[in-house]
C-alpha cells in the first residue's frame, strides 16, 4: 500500500466517524458554536465572570466530545506503544502526509479564513465575521480535527489482528 493511500485512511475514517455520529459531534460542538457567536459578537456587553464561566462550559463540552469519540473509536481495539514505534519506523512517510494535511487545514481555516480574510473586511464587520466563522468552525473544522487526531492515534498505535493472534494468551489453567 502506498504511503499516500495509507495516509488517506485517516481522513476517510474521520469522515465516516463524523457522519456516523454527527448528532453527538454537532450537539456537543454547538455549545462552543453558540458561546463563540454570543461572546465574540457582544464581547463588551458580557460580564467577565460570565464569559469566563462560558469558556469552562466550552472546555467541558470539548473534553466530553473527545472522550466520547475516543470510546467509540477504540472500542474493541488494543493499542500499544510497540505498534506505534513499528508504524513510525515503517510508515513515516504516511505520518508526514498527515502532518501536511493538517498543516494545510490550519493554513486555510486558521490563517487564511481567520486572519487574512478578516483584514480585508471593514473594521465594523470584523467582529461579526469572526463570531460567525467560529460558529461554523466548531461543529465542522474543529470537531473534524479532534476526530482526525483520534483516528491518527487509532491508526498508529492499533495492534493489528495478526500481531494480536501471535501474542501469547493467558491460559485458563493459570487462573
N, C-alpha and C. Protein backbone atom coordinates (compact mmCIF):
# COMPACT_ATOMS: atom_id res chain seq x y z
N UNK A 1 0.85 -1.17 0.00
CA UNK A 1 0.00 0.00 0.00
C UNK A 1 0.89 1.23 0.00
N UNK A 2 0.58 2.20 -0.85
CA UNK A 2 1.39 3.42 -0.90
C UNK A 2 1.18 4.23 0.37
N UNK A 3 2.16 5.02 0.69
CA UNK A 3 2.08 5.82 1.91
C UNK A 3 0.98 6.88 1.81
N UNK A 4 0.77 7.43 0.62
CA UNK A 4 -0.32 8.39 0.45
C UNK A 4 -1.67 7.71 0.68
N UNK A 5 -1.82 6.51 0.13
CA UNK A 5 -3.07 5.77 0.34
C UNK A 5 -3.26 5.45 1.82
N UNK A 6 -2.18 5.08 2.50
CA UNK A 6 -2.24 4.80 3.93
C UNK A 6 -2.61 6.07 4.70
N UNK A 7 -2.03 7.20 4.28
CA UNK A 7 -2.32 8.48 4.94
C UNK A 7 -3.78 8.88 4.72
N UNK A 8 -4.36 8.52 3.59
CA UNK A 8 -5.76 8.87 3.31
C UNK A 8 -6.75 8.02 4.09
N UNK A 9 -6.27 6.93 4.71
CA UNK A 9 -7.16 6.10 5.53
C UNK A 9 -7.73 6.91 6.70
N UNK A 10 -6.92 7.76 7.30
CA UNK A 10 -7.37 8.52 8.46
C UNK A 10 -8.43 9.56 8.07
N UNK A 11 -8.23 10.36 7.02
CA UNK A 11 -9.31 11.28 6.64
C UNK A 11 -10.61 10.55 6.27
N UNK A 12 -10.49 9.41 5.60
CA UNK A 12 -11.70 8.63 5.26
C UNK A 12 -12.38 8.14 6.53
N UNK A 13 -11.60 7.61 7.47
CA UNK A 13 -12.16 7.14 8.73
C UNK A 13 -12.79 8.31 9.49
N UNK A 14 -12.11 9.46 9.46
CA UNK A 14 -12.60 10.65 10.16
C UNK A 14 -13.97 11.04 9.62
N UNK A 15 -14.09 11.10 8.30
CA UNK A 15 -15.37 11.49 7.70
C UNK A 15 -16.45 10.46 8.03
N UNK A 16 -16.11 9.17 7.98
CA UNK A 16 -17.07 8.12 8.32
C UNK A 16 -17.52 8.27 9.78
N UNK A 17 -16.57 8.47 10.67
CA UNK A 17 -16.89 8.63 12.10
C UNK A 17 -17.78 9.86 12.30
N UNK A 18 -17.42 10.97 11.66
CA UNK A 18 -18.19 12.22 11.78
C UNK A 18 -19.62 12.01 11.30
N UNK A 19 -19.78 11.43 10.12
CA UNK A 19 -21.13 11.28 9.58
C UNK A 19 -21.95 10.24 10.34
N UNK A 20 -21.28 9.22 10.85
CA UNK A 20 -21.99 8.19 11.60
C UNK A 20 -22.47 8.72 12.96
N UNK A 21 -21.69 9.60 13.57
CA UNK A 21 -22.01 10.12 14.91
C UNK A 21 -22.26 11.62 14.87
N UNK A 22 -22.80 12.12 13.78
CA UNK A 22 -22.94 13.56 13.60
C UNK A 22 -23.81 14.21 14.68
N UNK A 23 -24.80 13.52 15.18
CA UNK A 23 -25.66 14.13 16.21
C UNK A 23 -24.85 14.42 17.48
N UNK A 24 -24.04 13.46 17.88
CA UNK A 24 -23.18 13.65 19.04
C UNK A 24 -22.18 14.78 18.79
N UNK A 25 -21.51 14.74 17.64
CA UNK A 25 -20.47 15.72 17.32
C UNK A 25 -21.06 17.12 17.20
N UNK A 26 -22.10 17.26 16.43
CA UNK A 26 -22.71 18.59 16.23
C UNK A 26 -23.37 19.07 17.52
N UNK A 27 -23.99 18.16 18.25
CA UNK A 27 -24.63 18.55 19.51
C UNK A 27 -23.63 19.14 20.51
N UNK A 28 -22.56 18.43 20.76
CA UNK A 28 -21.56 18.95 21.71
C UNK A 28 -20.82 20.15 21.15
N UNK A 29 -20.57 20.16 19.86
CA UNK A 29 -19.87 21.29 19.24
C UNK A 29 -20.73 22.55 19.21
N UNK A 30 -22.04 22.37 19.21
CA UNK A 30 -22.94 23.52 19.18
C UNK A 30 -22.83 24.36 20.45
N UNK A 31 -22.43 23.74 21.53
CA UNK A 31 -22.22 24.51 22.77
C UNK A 31 -21.15 25.57 22.53
N UNK A 32 -20.03 25.16 21.94
CA UNK A 32 -18.96 26.11 21.64
C UNK A 32 -19.39 27.08 20.55
N UNK A 33 -20.14 26.62 19.56
CA UNK A 33 -20.60 27.49 18.48
C UNK A 33 -21.45 28.64 19.02
N UNK A 34 -22.41 28.30 19.83
CA UNK A 34 -23.31 29.32 20.37
C UNK A 34 -22.55 30.26 21.30
N UNK A 35 -21.68 29.69 22.14
CA UNK A 35 -20.89 30.52 23.05
C UNK A 35 -20.02 31.51 22.28
N UNK A 36 -19.34 31.02 21.21
CA UNK A 36 -18.47 31.90 20.42
C UNK A 36 -19.29 32.99 19.72
N UNK A 37 -20.43 32.61 19.19
CA UNK A 37 -21.27 33.58 18.49
C UNK A 37 -21.68 34.72 19.44
N UNK A 38 -22.07 34.36 20.64
CA UNK A 38 -22.51 35.37 21.61
C UNK A 38 -21.33 36.16 22.18
N UNK A 39 -20.33 35.45 22.69
CA UNK A 39 -19.23 36.13 23.38
C UNK A 39 -18.38 36.97 22.43
N UNK A 40 -18.08 36.46 21.26
CA UNK A 40 -17.24 37.22 20.32
C UNK A 40 -18.03 38.39 19.73
N UNK A 41 -19.29 38.19 19.45
CA UNK A 41 -20.09 39.25 18.83
C UNK A 41 -20.43 40.37 19.81
N UNK A 42 -20.62 40.03 21.07
CA UNK A 42 -21.01 41.04 22.06
C UNK A 42 -20.04 41.07 23.23
N UNK A 43 -18.75 41.05 22.93
CA UNK A 43 -17.70 41.00 23.95
C UNK A 43 -17.85 42.08 25.00
N UNK A 44 -18.11 43.29 24.57
CA UNK A 44 -18.17 44.42 25.51
C UNK A 44 -19.42 44.41 26.39
N UNK A 45 -20.42 43.60 26.07
CA UNK A 45 -21.66 43.57 26.84
C UNK A 45 -21.75 42.40 27.81
N UNK A 46 -20.80 41.49 27.74
CA UNK A 46 -20.86 40.30 28.58
C UNK A 46 -19.91 40.47 29.77
N UNK A 47 -20.43 40.30 30.98
CA UNK A 47 -19.56 40.42 32.15
C UNK A 47 -18.41 39.40 32.09
N UNK A 48 -17.26 39.82 32.58
CA UNK A 48 -16.05 38.98 32.53
C UNK A 48 -16.28 37.61 33.18
N UNK A 49 -16.92 37.58 34.31
CA UNK A 49 -17.18 36.32 35.02
C UNK A 49 -18.05 35.37 34.20
N UNK A 50 -19.04 35.91 33.53
CA UNK A 50 -19.92 35.10 32.69
C UNK A 50 -19.17 34.57 31.47
N UNK A 51 -18.34 35.42 30.88
CA UNK A 51 -17.53 34.99 29.73
C UNK A 51 -16.58 33.86 30.15
N UNK A 52 -15.96 34.02 31.32
CA UNK A 52 -15.04 33.00 31.82
C UNK A 52 -15.78 31.69 32.11
N UNK A 53 -16.95 31.79 32.72
CA UNK A 53 -17.74 30.59 33.02
C UNK A 53 -18.15 29.89 31.72
N UNK A 54 -18.48 30.67 30.70
CA UNK A 54 -18.87 30.06 29.42
C UNK A 54 -17.68 29.35 28.76
N UNK A 55 -16.47 29.85 28.97
CA UNK A 55 -15.27 29.17 28.46
C UNK A 55 -15.08 27.82 29.15
N UNK A 56 -15.38 27.76 30.43
CA UNK A 56 -15.29 26.49 31.17
C UNK A 56 -16.31 25.49 30.62
N UNK A 57 -17.51 25.96 30.32
CA UNK A 57 -18.54 25.08 29.74
C UNK A 57 -18.09 24.57 28.37
N UNK A 58 -17.50 25.46 27.55
CA UNK A 58 -17.00 25.06 26.23
C UNK A 58 -15.91 24.01 26.38
N UNK A 59 -14.99 24.22 27.30
CA UNK A 59 -13.91 23.26 27.51
C UNK A 59 -14.48 21.91 27.96
N UNK A 60 -15.46 21.92 28.83
CA UNK A 60 -16.09 20.67 29.28
C UNK A 60 -16.77 19.96 28.11
N UNK A 61 -17.44 20.71 27.25
CA UNK A 61 -18.10 20.10 26.08
C UNK A 61 -17.07 19.50 25.13
N UNK A 62 -15.96 20.18 24.94
CA UNK A 62 -14.92 19.66 24.05
C UNK A 62 -14.27 18.41 24.64
N UNK A 63 -14.03 18.42 25.93
CA UNK A 63 -13.46 17.23 26.58
C UNK A 63 -14.45 16.07 26.45
N UNK A 64 -15.72 16.34 26.68
CA UNK A 64 -16.74 15.28 26.54
C UNK A 64 -16.75 14.74 25.12
N UNK A 65 -16.64 15.62 24.12
CA UNK A 65 -16.61 15.19 22.73
C UNK A 65 -15.43 14.27 22.47
N UNK A 66 -14.25 14.67 22.92
CA UNK A 66 -13.05 13.86 22.70
C UNK A 66 -13.17 12.52 23.41
N UNK A 67 -13.62 12.53 24.64
CA UNK A 67 -13.75 11.28 25.41
C UNK A 67 -14.76 10.34 24.75
N UNK A 68 -15.90 10.86 24.35
CA UNK A 68 -16.93 10.00 23.75
C UNK A 68 -16.49 9.47 22.39
N UNK A 69 -15.90 10.31 21.56
CA UNK A 69 -15.41 9.83 20.26
C UNK A 69 -14.28 8.83 20.47
N UNK A 70 -13.40 9.09 21.43
CA UNK A 70 -12.32 8.14 21.74
C UNK A 70 -12.90 6.77 22.09
N UNK A 71 -13.89 6.77 22.96
CA UNK A 71 -14.50 5.49 23.37
C UNK A 71 -15.13 4.77 22.19
N UNK A 72 -15.81 5.50 21.33
CA UNK A 72 -16.40 4.89 20.14
C UNK A 72 -15.32 4.37 19.19
N UNK A 73 -14.27 5.14 19.02
CA UNK A 73 -13.22 4.79 18.06
C UNK A 73 -12.37 3.62 18.53
N UNK A 74 -12.17 3.50 19.82
CA UNK A 74 -11.24 2.50 20.34
C UNK A 74 -11.93 1.24 20.85
N UNK A 75 -13.24 1.21 20.76
CA UNK A 75 -14.00 0.05 21.23
C UNK A 75 -13.50 -1.21 20.52
N UNK A 76 -13.08 -2.20 21.30
CA UNK A 76 -12.64 -3.47 20.74
C UNK A 76 -11.23 -3.49 20.20
N UNK A 77 -10.51 -2.39 20.28
CA UNK A 77 -9.14 -2.34 19.76
C UNK A 77 -8.14 -2.43 20.90
N UNK A 78 -6.95 -2.89 20.56
CA UNK A 78 -5.84 -2.89 21.50
C UNK A 78 -4.82 -1.90 20.99
N UNK A 79 -4.40 -0.98 21.85
CA UNK A 79 -3.36 -0.01 21.49
C UNK A 79 -2.10 -0.36 22.26
N UNK A 80 -0.95 -0.15 21.61
CA UNK A 80 0.31 -0.45 22.27
C UNK A 80 1.42 0.43 21.70
N UNK A 81 2.34 0.85 22.57
CA UNK A 81 3.49 1.66 22.13
C UNK A 81 4.30 0.94 21.06
N UNK A 82 4.44 -0.36 21.22
CA UNK A 82 5.21 -1.15 20.26
C UNK A 82 4.65 -0.99 18.85
N UNK A 83 3.34 -1.01 18.72
CA UNK A 83 2.71 -0.83 17.41
C UNK A 83 2.99 0.57 16.87
N UNK A 84 2.99 1.56 17.75
CA UNK A 84 3.29 2.93 17.33
C UNK A 84 4.71 3.09 16.84
N UNK A 85 5.65 2.47 17.56
CA UNK A 85 7.06 2.54 17.12
C UNK A 85 7.22 1.86 15.77
N UNK A 86 6.60 0.72 15.61
CA UNK A 86 6.70 -0.01 14.33
C UNK A 86 6.05 0.80 13.20
N UNK A 87 4.91 1.40 13.48
CA UNK A 87 4.24 2.20 12.45
C UNK A 87 5.12 3.39 12.05
N UNK A 88 5.67 4.08 13.03
CA UNK A 88 6.52 5.24 12.74
C UNK A 88 7.76 4.82 11.95
N UNK A 89 8.32 3.69 12.28
CA UNK A 89 9.50 3.20 11.58
C UNK A 89 9.16 2.78 10.14
N UNK A 90 8.06 2.10 9.96
CA UNK A 90 7.70 1.54 8.66
C UNK A 90 6.90 2.49 7.76
N UNK A 91 6.20 3.43 8.38
CA UNK A 91 5.29 4.29 7.60
C UNK A 91 5.48 5.76 7.93
N UNK A 92 6.70 6.18 8.12
CA UNK A 92 6.96 7.58 8.48
C UNK A 92 6.49 8.54 7.39
N UNK A 93 6.51 8.10 6.14
CA UNK A 93 6.02 8.97 5.05
C UNK A 93 4.53 9.25 5.22
N UNK A 94 3.80 8.26 5.64
CA UNK A 94 2.37 8.44 5.90
C UNK A 94 2.16 9.50 6.99
N UNK A 95 2.98 9.47 8.01
CA UNK A 95 2.88 10.47 9.08
C UNK A 95 3.22 11.87 8.56
N UNK A 96 4.17 11.96 7.64
CA UNK A 96 4.47 13.25 7.02
C UNK A 96 3.28 13.76 6.21
N UNK A 97 2.62 12.87 5.48
CA UNK A 97 1.42 13.26 4.75
C UNK A 97 0.34 13.76 5.71
N UNK A 98 0.17 13.07 6.83
CA UNK A 98 -0.82 13.51 7.83
C UNK A 98 -0.50 14.92 8.31
N UNK A 99 0.77 15.16 8.61
CA UNK A 99 1.18 16.49 9.05
C UNK A 99 0.93 17.53 7.96
N UNK A 100 1.17 17.16 6.71
CA UNK A 100 0.92 18.08 5.60
C UNK A 100 -0.58 18.39 5.47
N UNK A 101 -1.42 17.37 5.60
CA UNK A 101 -2.87 17.59 5.52
C UNK A 101 -3.36 18.51 6.63
N UNK A 102 -2.91 18.23 7.86
CA UNK A 102 -3.33 19.07 8.99
C UNK A 102 -2.75 20.47 8.86
N UNK A 103 -1.52 20.57 8.37
CA UNK A 103 -0.91 21.89 8.15
C UNK A 103 -1.68 22.69 7.11
N UNK A 104 -2.13 22.03 6.05
CA UNK A 104 -2.92 22.71 5.03
C UNK A 104 -4.26 23.19 5.61
N UNK A 105 -4.87 22.36 6.45
CA UNK A 105 -6.13 22.75 7.08
C UNK A 105 -5.93 23.98 7.97
N UNK A 106 -4.85 24.01 8.75
CA UNK A 106 -4.55 25.16 9.59
C UNK A 106 -4.33 26.40 8.73
N UNK A 107 -3.59 26.23 7.65
CA UNK A 107 -3.33 27.35 6.75
C UNK A 107 -4.63 27.93 6.18
N UNK A 108 -5.52 27.07 5.72
CA UNK A 108 -6.76 27.54 5.10
C UNK A 108 -7.74 28.10 6.14
N UNK A 109 -8.01 27.33 7.20
CA UNK A 109 -9.08 27.69 8.11
C UNK A 109 -8.66 28.61 9.26
N UNK A 110 -7.41 28.60 9.61
CA UNK A 110 -6.94 29.47 10.69
C UNK A 110 -6.31 30.73 10.10
N UNK A 111 -5.25 30.55 9.34
CA UNK A 111 -4.51 31.70 8.83
C UNK A 111 -5.32 32.47 7.79
N UNK A 112 -5.75 31.78 6.75
CA UNK A 112 -6.46 32.46 5.67
C UNK A 112 -7.84 32.97 6.11
N UNK A 113 -8.68 32.07 6.61
CA UNK A 113 -10.06 32.45 6.95
C UNK A 113 -10.13 33.42 8.13
N UNK A 114 -9.36 33.14 9.19
CA UNK A 114 -9.47 33.95 10.39
C UNK A 114 -8.65 35.23 10.34
N UNK A 115 -7.46 35.17 9.79
CA UNK A 115 -6.58 36.33 9.88
C UNK A 115 -6.49 37.14 8.60
N UNK A 116 -6.34 36.49 7.47
CA UNK A 116 -6.17 37.22 6.21
C UNK A 116 -7.50 37.80 5.74
N UNK A 117 -8.53 36.96 5.62
CA UNK A 117 -9.81 37.45 5.12
C UNK A 117 -10.43 38.49 6.03
N UNK A 118 -10.27 38.32 7.32
CA UNK A 118 -10.85 39.30 8.25
C UNK A 118 -10.23 40.69 8.06
N UNK A 119 -8.97 40.73 7.68
CA UNK A 119 -8.31 42.03 7.46
C UNK A 119 -8.81 42.72 6.20
N UNK A 120 -9.42 41.97 5.30
CA UNK A 120 -9.97 42.56 4.07
C UNK A 120 -11.33 43.21 4.31
N UNK A 121 -11.93 42.91 5.43
CA UNK A 121 -13.25 43.45 5.76
C UNK A 121 -13.12 44.80 6.45
N UNK A 122 -14.15 45.62 6.36
CA UNK A 122 -14.14 46.87 7.13
C UNK A 122 -14.10 46.56 8.63
N UNK A 123 -13.50 47.42 9.37
CA UNK A 123 -13.34 47.24 10.82
C UNK A 123 -14.67 46.92 11.50
N UNK A 124 -15.74 47.54 11.06
CA UNK A 124 -17.05 47.35 11.68
C UNK A 124 -17.61 45.94 11.47
N UNK A 125 -17.14 45.23 10.48
CA UNK A 125 -17.67 43.90 10.18
C UNK A 125 -16.81 42.77 10.72
N UNK A 126 -15.61 43.07 11.18
CA UNK A 126 -14.66 42.02 11.58
C UNK A 126 -15.13 41.18 12.74
N UNK A 127 -15.68 41.80 13.76
CA UNK A 127 -16.10 41.06 14.95
C UNK A 127 -17.24 40.10 14.61
N UNK A 128 -18.21 40.56 13.83
CA UNK A 128 -19.32 39.70 13.43
C UNK A 128 -18.84 38.58 12.53
N UNK A 129 -17.93 38.90 11.60
CA UNK A 129 -17.35 37.87 10.73
C UNK A 129 -16.68 36.78 11.56
N UNK A 130 -15.87 37.19 12.54
CA UNK A 130 -15.17 36.23 13.38
C UNK A 130 -16.16 35.39 14.18
N UNK A 131 -17.20 36.02 14.72
CA UNK A 131 -18.21 35.29 15.50
C UNK A 131 -18.90 34.23 14.64
N UNK A 132 -19.29 34.60 13.43
CA UNK A 132 -19.97 33.65 12.53
C UNK A 132 -19.00 32.56 12.08
N UNK A 133 -17.76 32.95 11.77
CA UNK A 133 -16.76 31.96 11.36
C UNK A 133 -16.54 30.93 12.47
N UNK A 134 -16.37 31.37 13.70
CA UNK A 134 -16.17 30.45 14.81
C UNK A 134 -17.42 29.60 15.07
N UNK A 135 -18.59 30.19 14.86
CA UNK A 135 -19.84 29.45 14.98
C UNK A 135 -19.85 28.27 14.00
N UNK A 136 -19.39 28.53 12.77
CA UNK A 136 -19.37 27.49 11.74
C UNK A 136 -18.20 26.51 11.92
N UNK A 137 -17.06 26.99 12.38
CA UNK A 137 -15.88 26.13 12.52
C UNK A 137 -16.02 25.09 13.63
N UNK A 138 -16.73 25.41 14.69
CA UNK A 138 -16.79 24.49 15.82
C UNK A 138 -17.39 23.13 15.48
N UNK A 139 -18.55 23.05 14.83
CA UNK A 139 -19.07 21.72 14.52
C UNK A 139 -18.47 21.10 13.26
N UNK A 140 -17.64 21.84 12.56
CA UNK A 140 -17.05 21.31 11.33
C UNK A 140 -15.55 21.14 11.50
N UNK A 141 -14.80 22.17 11.27
CA UNK A 141 -13.34 22.10 11.24
C UNK A 141 -12.75 21.65 12.57
N UNK A 142 -13.19 22.24 13.65
CA UNK A 142 -12.62 21.91 14.96
C UNK A 142 -13.00 20.48 15.36
N UNK A 143 -14.26 20.11 15.19
CA UNK A 143 -14.70 18.75 15.51
C UNK A 143 -13.98 17.72 14.63
N UNK A 144 -13.88 18.01 13.34
CA UNK A 144 -13.18 17.09 12.44
C UNK A 144 -11.71 16.96 12.82
N UNK A 145 -11.10 18.02 13.28
CA UNK A 145 -9.69 17.95 13.71
C UNK A 145 -9.54 17.05 14.93
N UNK A 146 -10.44 17.18 15.90
CA UNK A 146 -10.41 16.29 17.06
C UNK A 146 -10.54 14.83 16.62
N UNK A 147 -11.52 14.56 15.76
CA UNK A 147 -11.75 13.19 15.30
C UNK A 147 -10.55 12.70 14.50
N UNK A 148 -9.98 13.56 13.67
CA UNK A 148 -8.80 13.21 12.87
C UNK A 148 -7.66 12.78 13.79
N UNK A 149 -7.40 13.55 14.82
CA UNK A 149 -6.30 13.22 15.74
C UNK A 149 -6.55 11.88 16.44
N UNK A 150 -7.80 11.63 16.81
CA UNK A 150 -8.14 10.34 17.41
C UNK A 150 -7.93 9.23 16.38
N UNK A 151 -8.32 9.47 15.15
CA UNK A 151 -8.12 8.49 14.09
C UNK A 151 -6.65 8.22 13.83
N UNK A 152 -5.84 9.24 13.93
CA UNK A 152 -4.39 9.07 13.74
C UNK A 152 -3.81 8.20 14.84
N UNK A 153 -4.19 8.46 16.08
CA UNK A 153 -3.73 7.62 17.20
C UNK A 153 -4.21 6.19 16.98
N UNK A 154 -5.44 6.05 16.55
CA UNK A 154 -6.01 4.73 16.27
C UNK A 154 -5.20 3.99 15.22
N UNK A 155 -4.83 4.68 14.15
CA UNK A 155 -4.07 4.04 13.07
C UNK A 155 -2.66 3.67 13.54
N UNK A 156 -2.01 4.58 14.24
CA UNK A 156 -0.60 4.40 14.59
C UNK A 156 -0.41 3.36 15.70
N UNK A 157 -1.21 3.39 16.73
CA UNK A 157 -0.97 2.56 17.91
C UNK A 157 -1.80 1.29 17.97
N UNK A 158 -2.64 1.07 16.98
CA UNK A 158 -3.50 -0.11 16.98
C UNK A 158 -2.67 -1.37 16.73
N UNK A 159 -2.90 -2.35 17.56
CA UNK A 159 -2.29 -3.66 17.36
C UNK A 159 -3.13 -4.37 16.32
N UNK A 160 -2.51 -4.75 15.23
CA UNK A 160 -3.22 -5.41 14.14
C UNK A 160 -3.62 -6.82 14.53
N UNK A 161 -4.60 -7.35 13.85
CA UNK A 161 -5.14 -8.68 14.18
C UNK A 161 -4.05 -9.75 14.15
N UNK A 162 -3.14 -9.69 13.18
CA UNK A 162 -2.07 -10.69 13.08
C UNK A 162 -1.15 -10.62 14.28
N UNK A 163 -0.84 -9.39 14.73
CA UNK A 163 0.01 -9.23 15.91
C UNK A 163 -0.70 -9.75 17.15
N UNK A 164 -1.99 -9.44 17.25
CA UNK A 164 -2.78 -9.85 18.40
C UNK A 164 -2.84 -11.37 18.49
N UNK A 165 -3.02 -12.04 17.34
CA UNK A 165 -3.11 -13.51 17.31
C UNK A 165 -1.79 -14.16 17.69
N UNK A 166 -0.66 -13.51 17.37
CA UNK A 166 0.64 -14.11 17.66
C UNK A 166 1.09 -13.88 19.09
N UNK A 167 0.41 -12.99 19.83
CA UNK A 167 0.79 -12.74 21.22
C UNK A 167 0.33 -13.90 22.08
N UNK A 168 1.15 -14.32 23.04
CA UNK A 168 0.73 -15.42 23.93
C UNK A 168 -0.50 -15.00 24.74
N UNK A 169 -1.48 -15.84 24.78
CA UNK A 169 -2.71 -15.58 25.52
C UNK A 169 -2.61 -16.26 26.88
N UNK A 170 -3.16 -15.62 27.91
CA UNK A 170 -3.14 -16.26 29.23
C UNK A 170 -3.95 -17.56 29.21
N UNK A 171 -3.41 -18.53 29.86
CA UNK A 171 -4.09 -19.83 29.92
C UNK A 171 -5.17 -19.79 30.99
N UNK A 172 -6.24 -20.50 30.74
CA UNK A 172 -7.29 -20.59 31.75
C UNK A 172 -6.83 -21.41 32.95
N UNK A 173 -5.79 -22.23 32.77
CA UNK A 173 -5.25 -23.03 33.86
C UNK A 173 -4.57 -22.13 34.89
N UNK A 174 -4.04 -20.97 34.43
CA UNK A 174 -3.33 -20.05 35.34
C UNK A 174 -4.27 -19.39 36.33
N UNK A 175 -5.55 -19.43 36.09
CA UNK A 175 -6.48 -18.70 36.98
C UNK A 175 -6.77 -19.46 38.18
